[in-house]
Amino acid sequence: MERIDVLLEPAKAFLVQVGAFLPRLAIALLVLVVGLLIAKAARFAVQKGLRAINFNVVTQRAGLDSFLQQGGSQVDTIVLLGLLVYWVVVLAALIVAFNGMGLSHVTDLLSRVMLFVPKLIIALLVLAFGAYFARFVSSAVVTYCHSVDIGDADVLGGLTRYAIVAFTVMIALEQIEVGGTLVRDVFLLVLGGFVLAIALAFGLGGREWAAAHLERWWPAPKRDEPP
């Protein structure tokens, strides 16, 4: 009889563990189902809210929607932001569920992923508003150059736009912690080299070229000839 009890002891311990685990599993599944429902509601609210404030106009003029379509995506920026919010809520529900079951290692991994998604959302917003602002400033520069009879207005507007977009991309990469200091240093080196090249061109071998372009950009006022 004692031998039978010894043989049944592991089975009893296993059943006790299963009995203690099943309620936690049921609560985790309930939390996951509720989290999925909240995630769908949050995605719907975000997409409707962004379209209500005409945020899609900003993304279209910024060029983000066309960039996604060129990459083969069938969604626009607003749908992408809604999906990111959806996964933030789902990851939060998974963290609560796995934490209730005592799976701390899985919880730590999901926590790191969930902390990355909001940074990605902020980076997308920075890109959207930065690209929209770059297009606005570029149009303003072109309009001003035409109003004061400065030549190569389109070139100057394009340079302005690309400079702002490059700065915006650098900020977005810093938000998602890609590159970090390396990206900033490379950007500053490229910008410094570009400025140095222009300075050398104006100061050394390109004086005549520079004078010709300055004359095109800022033509001297015509003097009235004496009768």
Protein backbone atom coordinates (compact mmCIF):
# COMPACT_ATOMS: atom_id res chain seq x y z
CA MET A 1 0.00 0.00 0.00
CA GLU A 2 2.82 2.36 0.83
CA ARG A 3 4.42 1.51 -2.52
CA ILE A 4 1.21 2.47 -4.32
CA ASP A 5 1.07 5.77 -2.44
CA VAL A 6 4.66 6.48 -3.45
CA LEU A 7 3.82 5.81 -7.10
CA LEU A 8 0.70 7.98 -6.98
CA GLU A 9 2.41 10.90 -5.26
CA PRO A 10 3.81 12.47 -8.50
CA ALA A 11 0.41 12.14 -10.15
CA LYS A 12 -1.26 13.85 -7.20
CA ALA A 13 1.29 16.67 -7.28
CA PHE A 14 0.72 17.06 -11.02
CA LEU A 15 -3.05 17.22 -10.59
CA VAL A 16 -2.67 19.80 -7.84
CA GLN A 17 -0.53 21.95 -10.14
CA VAL A 18 -3.03 21.56 -12.97
CA GLY A 19 -5.88 22.49 -10.65
CA ALA A 20 -4.03 25.62 -9.56
CA PHE A 21 -3.08 26.51 -13.12
CA LEU A 22 -6.49 26.14 -14.79
CA PRO A 23 -8.15 29.10 -13.01
CA ARG A 24 -5.20 31.32 -13.93
CA LEU A 25 -5.42 30.12 -17.53
CA ALA A 26 -9.14 30.88 -17.61
CA ILE A 27 -8.54 34.40 -16.25
CA ALA A 28 -5.74 34.93 -18.78
CA LEU A 29 -8.00 33.89 -21.67
CA LEU A 30 -10.73 36.22 -20.38
CA VAL A 31 -8.25 39.09 -20.17
CA LEU A 32 -7.06 38.34 -23.71
CA VAL A 33 -10.61 38.31 -25.12
CA VAL A 34 -11.46 41.59 -23.40
CA GLY A 35 -8.16 43.05 -24.62
CA LEU A 36 -8.94 42.08 -28.22
CA LEU A 37 -12.33 43.77 -28.00
CA ILE A 38 -10.79 46.93 -26.53
CA ALA A 39 -8.05 46.86 -29.20
CA LYS A 40 -10.62 46.73 -32.02
CA ALA A 41 -12.58 49.58 -30.44
CA ALA A 42 -9.39 51.64 -30.03
CA ARG A 43 -8.37 51.04 -33.65
CA PHE A 44 -11.81 52.08 -34.88
CA ALA A 45 -11.80 55.21 -32.69
CA VAL A 46 -8.30 56.25 -33.79
CA GLN A 47 -9.04 55.82 -37.49
CA LYS A 48 -12.38 57.62 -37.29
CA GLY A 49 -10.92 60.41 -35.15
CA LEU A 50 -7.95 61.01 -37.48
CA ARG A 51 -10.19 61.08 -40.54
CA ALA A 52 -12.59 63.43 -38.75
CA ILE A 53 -9.80 65.98 -38.28
CA ASN A 54 -8.65 65.47 -41.92
CA PHE A 55 -5.30 63.99 -40.90
CA ASN A 56 -5.39 62.02 -44.16
CA VAL A 57 -4.93 65.33 -46.01
CA VAL A 58 -1.68 65.87 -44.12
CA THR A 59 -0.39 62.37 -44.91
CA GLN A 60 -1.36 62.64 -48.56
CA ARG A 61 0.35 66.00 -49.04
CA ALA A 62 3.34 64.81 -47.06
CA GLY A 63 3.74 61.89 -49.46
CA LEU A 64 3.50 59.12 -46.85
CA ASP A 65 0.45 57.47 -48.45
CA SER A 66 2.08 57.36 -51.87
CA PHE A 67 5.27 56.00 -50.29
CA LEU A 68 3.32 53.14 -48.70
CA GLN A 69 1.54 52.40 -51.98
CA GLN A 70 4.82 52.35 -53.88
CA GLY A 71 6.09 49.81 -51.36
CA GLY A 72 3.16 47.51 -52.18
CA SER A 73 1.02 48.30 -49.16
CA GLN A 74 -2.75 48.47 -49.55
CA VAL A 75 -3.28 50.69 -46.49
CA ASP A 76 -2.72 54.36 -45.86
CA THR A 77 -0.99 56.04 -42.93
CA ILE A 78 -4.16 56.36 -40.86
CA VAL A 79 -4.88 52.63 -41.15
CA LEU A 80 -1.26 51.92 -40.20
CA LEU A 81 -1.54 54.12 -37.10
CA GLY A 82 -4.78 52.35 -36.17
CA LEU A 83 -3.05 48.97 -36.47
CA LEU A 84 -0.20 50.15 -34.26
CA VAL A 85 -2.64 51.31 -31.58
CA TYR A 86 -4.43 47.96 -31.92
CA TRP A 87 -1.22 46.05 -31.25
CA VAL A 88 -0.32 48.27 -28.30
CA VAL A 89 -3.57 47.26 -26.60
CA VAL A 90 -3.15 43.60 -27.59
CA LEU A 91 0.39 43.53 -26.20
CA ALA A 92 -0.82 45.13 -22.98
CA ALA A 93 -3.49 42.41 -22.66
CA LEU A 94 -0.90 39.70 -23.32
CA ILE A 95 1.39 41.16 -20.67
CA VAL A 96 -1.42 41.10 -18.10
CA ALA A 97 -2.40 37.56 -19.12
CA PHE A 98 1.10 36.08 -19.00
CA ASN A 99 1.89 37.92 -15.80
CA GLY A 100 -1.16 36.32 -14.20
CA MET A 101 0.16 32.90 -15.19
CA GLY A 102 3.57 33.68 -13.70
CA LEU A 103 5.48 33.72 -16.99
CA SER A 104 7.80 36.60 -16.14
CA HIS A 105 10.29 36.01 -18.98
CA VAL A 106 7.57 36.27 -21.62
CA THR A 107 6.19 39.35 -19.87
CA ASP A 108 9.58 41.09 -19.99
CA LEU A 109 9.93 40.39 -23.71
CA LEU A 110 6.43 41.67 -24.50
CA SER A 111 7.04 44.76 -22.38
CA ARG A 112 10.05 45.69 -24.50
CA VAL A 113 8.05 45.22 -27.69
CA MET A 114 5.14 47.28 -26.34
CA LEU A 115 7.48 50.13 -25.38
CA PHE A 116 8.81 50.19 -28.96
CA VAL A 117 5.41 50.52 -30.67
CA PRO A 118 4.52 53.97 -29.19
CA LYS A 119 7.93 55.23 -30.30
CA LEU A 120 7.12 54.01 -33.81
CA ILE A 121 3.79 55.86 -33.70
CA ILE A 122 5.55 59.09 -32.65
CA ALA A 123 8.12 58.60 -35.44
CA LEU A 124 5.33 58.27 -38.03
CA LEU A 125 3.65 61.43 -36.72
CA VAL A 126 6.97 63.29 -36.86
CA LEU A 127 7.48 62.15 -40.46
CA ALA A 128 3.95 63.16 -41.45
CA PHE A 129 4.08 66.66 -39.99
CA GLY A 130 7.73 67.18 -40.93
CA ALA A 131 7.17 66.24 -44.58
CA TYR A 132 4.03 68.39 -44.72
CA PHE A 133 5.93 71.34 -43.20
CA ALA A 134 8.79 70.79 -45.67
CA ARG A 135 6.40 70.97 -48.61
CA PHE A 136 4.79 74.11 -47.20
CA VAL A 137 8.13 75.87 -46.68
CA SER A 138 9.34 74.77 -50.13
CA SER A 139 6.25 76.29 -51.76
CA ALA A 140 6.75 79.49 -49.76
CA VAL A 141 10.38 79.73 -50.88
CA VAL A 142 9.45 79.19 -54.53
CA THR A 143 6.69 81.81 -54.32
CA TYR A 144 9.01 84.33 -52.67
CA CYS A 145 11.77 83.75 -55.22
CA HIS A 146 9.34 84.29 -58.08
CA SER A 147 8.00 87.46 -56.46
CA VAL A 148 11.47 89.04 -56.18
CA ASP A 149 12.66 87.77 -59.60
CA ILE A 150 15.22 85.30 -58.24
CA GLY A 151 16.24 82.66 -60.77
CA ASP A 152 16.30 78.91 -60.06
CA ALA A 153 13.38 79.21 -57.67
CA ASP A 154 12.47 75.54 -58.11
CA VAL A 155 16.02 74.47 -57.28
CA LEU A 156 16.10 76.54 -54.10
CA GLY A 157 12.67 75.27 -53.10
CA GLY A 158 13.75 71.67 -53.66
CA LEU A 159 16.91 72.13 -51.61
CA THR A 160 14.86 73.62 -48.79
CA ARG A 161 12.38 70.77 -48.86
CA TYR A 162 15.03 68.02 -48.89
CA ALA A 163 16.95 69.68 -46.06
CA ILE A 164 13.86 69.77 -43.84
CA VAL A 165 12.93 66.20 -44.77
CA ALA A 166 16.44 64.98 -43.93
CA PHE A 167 16.27 66.72 -40.56
CA THR A 168 12.82 65.19 -39.96
CA VAL A 169 14.05 61.70 -40.80
CA MET A 170 16.91 62.14 -38.36
CA ILE A 171 14.48 63.07 -35.58
CA ALA A 172 12.23 60.10 -36.44
CA LEU A 173 15.18 57.70 -36.32
CA GLU A 174 16.18 59.06 -32.93
CA GLN A 175 12.63 58.42 -31.68
CA ILE A 176 12.87 54.71 -32.52
CA GLU A 177 16.52 54.67 -31.35
CA VAL A 178 17.93 53.60 -34.71
CA GLY A 179 21.49 54.76 -35.24
CA GLY A 180 21.36 57.28 -32.39
CA THR A 181 24.47 59.43 -32.23
CA LEU A 182 25.90 57.82 -35.38
CA VAL A 183 23.00 59.02 -37.55
CA ARG A 184 23.21 62.54 -36.13
CA ASP A 185 26.97 62.71 -36.62
CA VAL A 186 26.74 61.42 -40.20
CA PHE A 187 24.02 63.95 -41.00
CA LEU A 188 26.11 66.80 -39.55
CA LEU A 189 29.19 65.63 -41.46
CA VAL A 190 27.28 65.48 -44.75
CA LEU A 191 25.73 68.88 -44.11
CA GLY A 192 29.09 70.36 -43.15
CA GLY A 193 30.74 68.88 -46.25
CA PHE A 194 27.98 70.29 -48.46
CA VAL A 195 28.36 73.77 -46.96
CA LEU A 196 32.16 73.55 -47.27
CA ALA A 197 31.91 72.53 -50.91
CA ILE A 198 29.68 75.51 -51.65
CA ALA A 199 32.04 77.84 -49.79
CA LEU A 200 35.05 76.53 -51.75
CA ALA A 201 33.17 76.84 -55.02
CA PHE A 202 32.26 80.45 -54.27
CA GLY A 203 35.65 81.38 -52.84
CA LEU A 204 38.10 79.66 -55.20
CA GLY A 205 37.44 78.46 -58.68
CA GLY A 206 33.79 79.36 -59.02
CA ARG A 207 33.85 83.11 -58.60
CA GLU A 208 32.64 83.81 -62.11
CA TRP A 209 30.01 81.09 -61.85
CA ALA A 210 28.90 82.42 -58.48
CA ALA A 211 28.78 85.97 -59.81
CA ALA A 212 26.66 84.85 -62.74
CA HIS A 213 24.19 83.01 -60.50
CA LEU A 214 24.04 85.87 -58.02
CA GLU A 215 23.24 88.16 -60.92
CA ARG A 216 20.45 85.80 -61.97
CA TRP A 217 19.08 85.55 -58.42
CA TRP A 218 19.40 89.23 -57.53
CA PRO A 219 19.60 91.24 -60.75
CA ALA A 220 20.88 94.78 -60.38
CA PRO A 221 18.23 97.49 -60.83
CA LYS A 222 18.27 99.10 -64.23
CA ARG A 223 19.29 102.77 -64.25
CA ASP A 224 17.38 105.21 -66.38
CA GLU A 225 19.49 106.47 -69.26
CA PRO A 226 19.84 110.27 -69.56
CA PRO A 227 17.89 111.82 -72.44
